[in-house]
C-alpha cells in the first residue's frame, strides 16, 4: 500500500479516501438536474441520474467506512462530542435523503416529472446537509488532526 498510496500510510482509517466522491458527484448531479429542468434536456437528465447514482454509491461507502472508523478515530472526548457527533448526524441525514432521491429518480427515470420541484428541493437539502457535515469533518481533520498522525493526540476541543 505504501508504494501505491504513500500518503494513505499516515491515515488513521480509509474514510478520507471515500468522502470526496459523493460530494463531487451529488453536487454535480444537482447542477445537471437544475440545468436539465431549465432546458428540458434528456441527455442532461440521464447524466444527472448517473451522477446521482455514483454519488449515492459513494455516500454508502463513506457511511460504511465512517461508521467503521468512528470508534477508533483518535480525538479527545470533547472533539468527539462537539464535532464528530454533529458530523455523523448530518452525513447520515444527507445519505438518507440521497437514498430517497436516487430511488425516486430510478423509479421515474431519468428525472421525476411529478413533484419535480420537491425533487430539486431535496437536492438542495442534501447539498446543505453535506456542506454542514463536511465542515464539521474538515474541522476534525484540519483543526484536530483526526485524519492522520502528524501531531500528538488527543488535541482538546477549542472554539
C-alpha atoms as a PDB file:
ATOM      1  CA  UNK A   1       0.000   0.000   0.000  1.00  0.00           C
ATOM      2  CA  UNK A   2       2.874   2.393   0.773  1.00  0.00           C
ATOM      3  CA  UNK A   3       4.120   2.158  -2.825  1.00  0.00           C
ATOM      4  CA  UNK A   4       0.723   2.799  -4.414  1.00  0.00           C
ATOM      5  CA  UNK A   5      -0.667   5.394  -1.973  1.00  0.00           C
ATOM      6  CA  UNK A   6       2.194   6.598   0.239  1.00  0.00           C
ATOM      7  CA  UNK A   7       0.015   9.282   1.847  1.00  0.00           C
ATOM      8  CA  UNK A   8      -2.506   6.662   2.958  1.00  0.00           C
ATOM      9  CA  UNK A   9       0.096   5.229   5.331  1.00  0.00           C
ATOM     10  CA  UNK A  10      -0.479   8.281   7.543  1.00  0.00           C
ATOM     11  CA  UNK A  11      -4.252   7.893   7.709  1.00  0.00           C
ATOM     12  CA  UNK A  12      -5.931   6.579  10.838  1.00  0.00           C
ATOM     13  CA  UNK A  13      -8.539   4.873   8.611  1.00  0.00           C
ATOM     14  CA  UNK A  14      -9.722   4.734   4.995  1.00  0.00           C
ATOM     15  CA  UNK A  15     -12.743   7.035   5.423  1.00  0.00           C
ATOM     16  CA  UNK A  16     -10.939  10.113   3.972  1.00  0.00           C
ATOM     17  CA  UNK A  17     -10.261   8.191   0.758  1.00  0.00           C
ATOM     18  CA  UNK A  18     -14.009   7.864   0.097  1.00  0.00           C
ATOM     19  CA  UNK A  19     -15.651  11.075   1.302  1.00  0.00           C
ATOM     20  CA  UNK A  20     -14.816  13.371  -1.597  1.00  0.00           C
ATOM     21  CA  UNK A  21     -16.533  11.299  -4.285  1.00  0.00           C
ATOM     22  CA  UNK A  22     -20.129  11.618  -3.067  1.00  0.00           C
ATOM     23  CA  UNK A  23     -19.676  15.334  -2.522  1.00  0.00           C
ATOM     24  CA  UNK A  24     -18.462  15.853  -6.087  1.00  0.00           C
ATOM     25  CA  UNK A  25     -20.992  13.511  -7.713  1.00  0.00           C
ATOM     26  CA  UNK A  26     -24.034  14.710  -5.750  1.00  0.00           C
ATOM     27  CA  UNK A  27     -23.236  18.395  -6.222  1.00  0.00           C
ATOM     28  CA  UNK A  28     -22.618  17.689  -9.917  1.00  0.00           C
ATOM     29  CA  UNK A  29     -25.907  15.796 -10.162  1.00  0.00           C
ATOM     30  CA  UNK A  30     -27.748  18.715  -8.588  1.00  0.00           C
ATOM     31  CA  UNK A  31     -26.235  21.175 -11.059  1.00  0.00           C
ATOM     32  CA  UNK A  32     -27.105  18.934 -14.011  1.00  0.00           C
ATOM     33  CA  UNK A  33     -30.643  18.305 -12.757  1.00  0.00           C
ATOM     34  CA  UNK A  34     -31.232  22.050 -12.374  1.00  0.00           C
ATOM     35  CA  UNK A  35     -29.855  22.719 -15.859  1.00  0.00           C
ATOM     36  CA  UNK A  36     -31.905  19.844 -17.284  1.00  0.00           C
ATOM     37  CA  UNK A  37     -35.084  21.182 -15.723  1.00  0.00           C
ATOM     38  CA  UNK A  38     -34.468  24.615 -17.250  1.00  0.00           C
ATOM     39  CA  UNK A  39     -33.551  23.311 -20.724  1.00  0.00           C
ATOM     40  CA  UNK A  40     -35.727  20.160 -20.807  1.00  0.00           C
ATOM     41  CA  UNK A  41     -32.648  18.223 -21.951  1.00  0.00           C
ATOM     42  CA  UNK A  42     -32.892  14.416 -21.881  1.00  0.00           C
ATOM     43  CA  UNK A  43     -29.101  13.883 -22.130  1.00  0.00           C
ATOM     44  CA  UNK A  44     -28.566  16.190 -19.132  1.00  0.00           C
ATOM     45  CA  UNK A  45     -31.235  14.325 -17.169  1.00  0.00           C
ATOM     46  CA  UNK A  46     -29.539  10.984 -17.870  1.00  0.00           C
ATOM     47  CA  UNK A  47     -26.109  12.377 -16.985  1.00  0.00           C
ATOM     48  CA  UNK A  48     -27.557  13.756 -13.753  1.00  0.00           C
ATOM     49  CA  UNK A  49     -29.100  10.378 -12.925  1.00  0.00           C
ATOM     50  CA  UNK A  50     -25.757   8.634 -13.407  1.00  0.00           C
ATOM     51  CA  UNK A  51     -24.000  11.208 -11.252  1.00  0.00           C
ATOM     52  CA  UNK A  52     -26.631  10.860  -8.537  1.00  0.00           C
ATOM     53  CA  UNK A  53     -26.289   7.063  -8.655  1.00  0.00           C
ATOM     54  CA  UNK A  54     -22.499   7.307  -8.349  1.00  0.00           C
ATOM     55  CA  UNK A  55     -22.928   9.848  -5.541  1.00  0.00           C
ATOM     56  CA  UNK A  56     -25.327   7.543  -3.695  1.00  0.00           C
ATOM     57  CA  UNK A  57     -22.886   4.640  -4.052  1.00  0.00           C
ATOM     58  CA  UNK A  58     -20.064   6.857  -2.811  1.00  0.00           C
ATOM     59  CA  UNK A  59     -22.208   8.031   0.094  1.00  0.00           C
ATOM     60  CA  UNK A  60     -22.894   4.402   1.058  1.00  0.00           C
ATOM     61  CA  UNK A  61     -19.158   3.662   1.010  1.00  0.00           C
ATOM     62  CA  UNK A  62     -18.434   6.826   3.001  1.00  0.00           C
ATOM     63  CA  UNK A  63     -21.061   5.978   5.606  1.00  0.00           C
ATOM     64  CA  UNK A  64     -19.765   2.424   5.903  1.00  0.00           C
ATOM     65  CA  UNK A  65     -16.135   3.490   6.302  1.00  0.00           C
ATOM     66  CA  UNK A  66     -17.122   6.342   8.625  1.00  0.00           C
ATOM     67  CA  UNK A  67     -19.174   4.134  10.927  1.00  0.00           C
ATOM     68  CA  UNK A  68     -16.391   1.563  10.946  1.00  0.00           C
ATOM     69  CA  UNK A  69     -13.773   4.217  11.734  1.00  0.00           C
ATOM     70  CA  UNK A  70     -15.827   6.278  14.183  1.00  0.00           C
ATOM     71  CA  UNK A  71     -14.965   4.458  17.377  1.00  0.00           C
ATOM     72  CA  UNK A  72     -11.263   4.300  16.559  1.00  0.00           C
ATOM     73  CA  UNK A  73     -10.608   7.853  15.418  1.00  0.00           C
ATOM     74  CA  UNK A  74      -8.069   9.423  17.752  1.00  0.00           C
ATOM     75  CA  UNK A  75      -9.700  12.597  19.010  1.00  0.00           C
ATOM     76  CA  UNK A  76     -10.419  13.751  22.530  1.00  0.00           C
ATOM     77  CA  UNK A  77     -13.865  13.265  24.016  1.00  0.00           C
ATOM     78  CA  UNK A  78     -14.548  16.992  23.701  1.00  0.00           C
ATOM     79  CA  UNK A  79     -13.867  16.901  19.946  1.00  0.00           C
ATOM     80  CA  UNK A  80     -15.935  13.740  19.645  1.00  0.00           C
ATOM     81  CA  UNK A  81     -18.834  15.495  21.391  1.00  0.00           C
ATOM     82  CA  UNK A  82     -18.553  18.900  19.698  1.00  0.00           C
ATOM     83  CA  UNK A  83     -17.645  17.838  16.143  1.00  0.00           C
ATOM     84  CA  UNK A  84     -17.787  14.106  15.394  1.00  0.00           C
ATOM     85  CA  UNK A  85     -21.332  13.669  16.707  1.00  0.00           C
ATOM     86  CA  UNK A  86     -22.662  16.508  14.541  1.00  0.00           C
ATOM     87  CA  UNK A  87     -20.648  15.372  11.507  1.00  0.00           C
ATOM     88  CA  UNK A  88     -22.096  11.872  11.824  1.00  0.00           C
ATOM     89  CA  UNK A  89     -25.702  13.049  12.262  1.00  0.00           C
ATOM     90  CA  UNK A  90     -25.565  15.461   9.325  1.00  0.00           C
ATOM     91  CA  UNK A  91     -23.913  12.999   6.978  1.00  0.00           C
ATOM     92  CA  UNK A  92     -26.311  10.187   7.904  1.00  0.00           C
ATOM     93  CA  UNK A  93     -29.210  12.555   7.209  1.00  0.00           C
ATOM     94  CA  UNK A  94     -27.666  13.609   3.879  1.00  0.00           C
ATOM     95  CA  UNK A  95     -27.167   9.964   2.923  1.00  0.00           C
ATOM     96  CA  UNK A  96     -30.746   9.072   3.865  1.00  0.00           C
ATOM     97  CA  UNK A  97     -32.171  11.905   1.749  1.00  0.00           C
ATOM     98  CA  UNK A  98     -29.832  10.897  -1.095  1.00  0.00           C
ATOM     99  CA  UNK A  99     -31.158   7.348  -0.811  1.00  0.00           C
ATOM    100  CA  UNK A 100     -34.736   8.582  -1.142  1.00  0.00           C
ATOM    101  CA  UNK A 101     -33.819  10.768  -4.110  1.00  0.00           C
ATOM    102  CA  UNK A 102     -31.976   8.042  -6.025  1.00  0.00           C
ATOM    103  CA  UNK A 103     -34.833   5.573  -5.524  1.00  0.00           C
ATOM    104  CA  UNK A 104     -37.276   8.233  -6.722  1.00  0.00           C
ATOM    105  CA  UNK A 105     -35.095   9.132  -9.729  1.00  0.00           C
ATOM    106  CA  UNK A 106     -34.668   5.476 -10.691  1.00  0.00           C
ATOM    107  CA  UNK A 107     -38.407   4.866 -10.418  1.00  0.00           C
ATOM    108  CA  UNK A 108     -39.150   7.887 -12.651  1.00  0.00           C
ATOM    109  CA  UNK A 109     -36.085   7.621 -14.888  1.00  0.00           C
ATOM    110  CA  UNK A 110     -34.207   9.812 -15.511  1.00  0.00           C
ATOM    111  CA  UNK A 111     -35.895  12.612 -13.534  1.00  0.00           C
ATOM    112  CA  UNK A 112     -39.251  12.776 -11.757  1.00  0.00           C
ATOM    113  CA  UNK A 113     -41.794  14.794 -13.727  1.00  0.00           C
ATOM    114  CA  UNK A 114     -44.395  14.754 -10.957  1.00  0.00           C
ATOM    115  CA  UNK A 115     -43.023  16.502  -7.904  1.00  0.00           C
ATOM    116  CA  UNK A 116     -40.050  17.798  -9.858  1.00  0.00           C
ATOM    117  CA  UNK A 117     -39.702  20.882  -7.664  1.00  0.00           C
ATOM    118  CA  UNK A 118     -39.812  18.775  -4.500  1.00  0.00           C
ATOM    119  CA  UNK A 119     -37.108  16.571  -6.014  1.00  0.00           C
ATOM    120  CA  UNK A 120     -34.960  19.606  -6.812  1.00  0.00           C
ATOM    121  CA  UNK A 121     -35.563  20.986  -3.307  1.00  0.00           C
ATOM    122  CA  UNK A 122     -34.430  17.614  -1.952  1.00  0.00           C
ATOM    123  CA  UNK A 123     -31.163  18.024  -3.829  1.00  0.00           C
ATOM    124  CA  UNK A 124     -30.711  21.445  -2.226  1.00  0.00           C
ATOM    125  CA  UNK A 125     -31.362  19.906   1.197  1.00  0.00           C
ATOM    126  CA  UNK A 126     -28.751  17.214   0.530  1.00  0.00           C
ATOM    127  CA  UNK A 127     -26.223  19.847  -0.557  1.00  0.00           C
ATOM    128  CA  UNK A 128     -26.891  21.876   2.591  1.00  0.00           C
ATOM    129  CA  UNK A 129     -26.598  18.845   4.880  1.00  0.00           C
ATOM    130  CA  UNK A 130     -23.420  17.687   3.140  1.00  0.00           C
ATOM    131  CA  UNK A 131     -21.878  21.138   3.273  1.00  0.00           C
ATOM    132  CA  UNK A 132     -22.542  21.461   7.004  1.00  0.00           C
ATOM    133  CA  UNK A 133     -21.403  17.894   7.694  1.00  0.00           C
ATOM    134  CA  UNK A 134     -18.254  18.358   5.618  1.00  0.00           C
ATOM    135  CA  UNK A 135     -17.462  21.487   7.605  1.00  0.00           C
ATOM    136  CA  UNK A 136     -17.528  19.501  10.850  1.00  0.00           C
ATOM    137  CA  UNK A 137     -15.421  16.763   9.242  1.00  0.00           C
ATOM    138  CA  UNK A 138     -12.941  19.287   7.887  1.00  0.00           C
ATOM    139  CA  UNK A 139     -12.590  20.888  11.298  1.00  0.00           C
ATOM    140  CA  UNK A 140     -11.801  17.491  12.828  1.00  0.00           C
ATOM    141  CA  UNK A 141      -9.161  16.808  10.191  1.00  0.00           C
ATOM    142  CA  UNK A 142      -7.539  20.234   9.926  1.00  0.00           C
ATOM    143  CA  UNK A 143      -8.033  21.616  13.434  1.00  0.00           C
ATOM    144  CA  UNK A 144      -7.655  18.394  15.450  1.00  0.00           C
ATOM    145  CA  UNK A 145      -5.656  16.047  13.173  1.00  0.00           C
ATOM    146  CA  UNK A 146      -8.423  13.434  13.109  1.00  0.00           C
ATOM    147  CA  UNK A 147      -7.272  12.058   9.768  1.00  0.00           C
ATOM    148  CA  UNK A 148      -3.587  11.461  10.312  1.00  0.00           C
ATOM    149  CA  UNK A 149      -0.664  11.103  12.649  1.00  0.00           C
ATOM    150  CA  UNK A 150       1.170  14.403  12.123  1.00  0.00           C
ATOM    151  CA  UNK A 151       0.508  15.709  15.654  1.00  0.00           C
ATOM    152  CA  UNK A 152       0.378  14.048  19.054  1.00  0.00           C
ATOM    153  CA  UNK A 153      -3.130  13.016  20.081  1.00  0.00           C
ATOM    154  CA  UNK A 154      -5.538  13.868  21.532  1.00  0.00           C
ATOM    155  CA  UNK A 155      -5.999  17.584  20.933  1.00  0.00           C
ATOM    156  CA  UNK A 156      -8.772  19.015  23.119  1.00  0.00           C
ATOM    157  CA  UNK A 157     -11.631  20.970  21.596  1.00  0.00           C
ATOM    158  CA  UNK A 158     -11.414  24.746  21.495  1.00  0.00           C
ATOM    159  CA  UNK A 159     -13.622  27.182  19.646  1.00  0.00           C
END
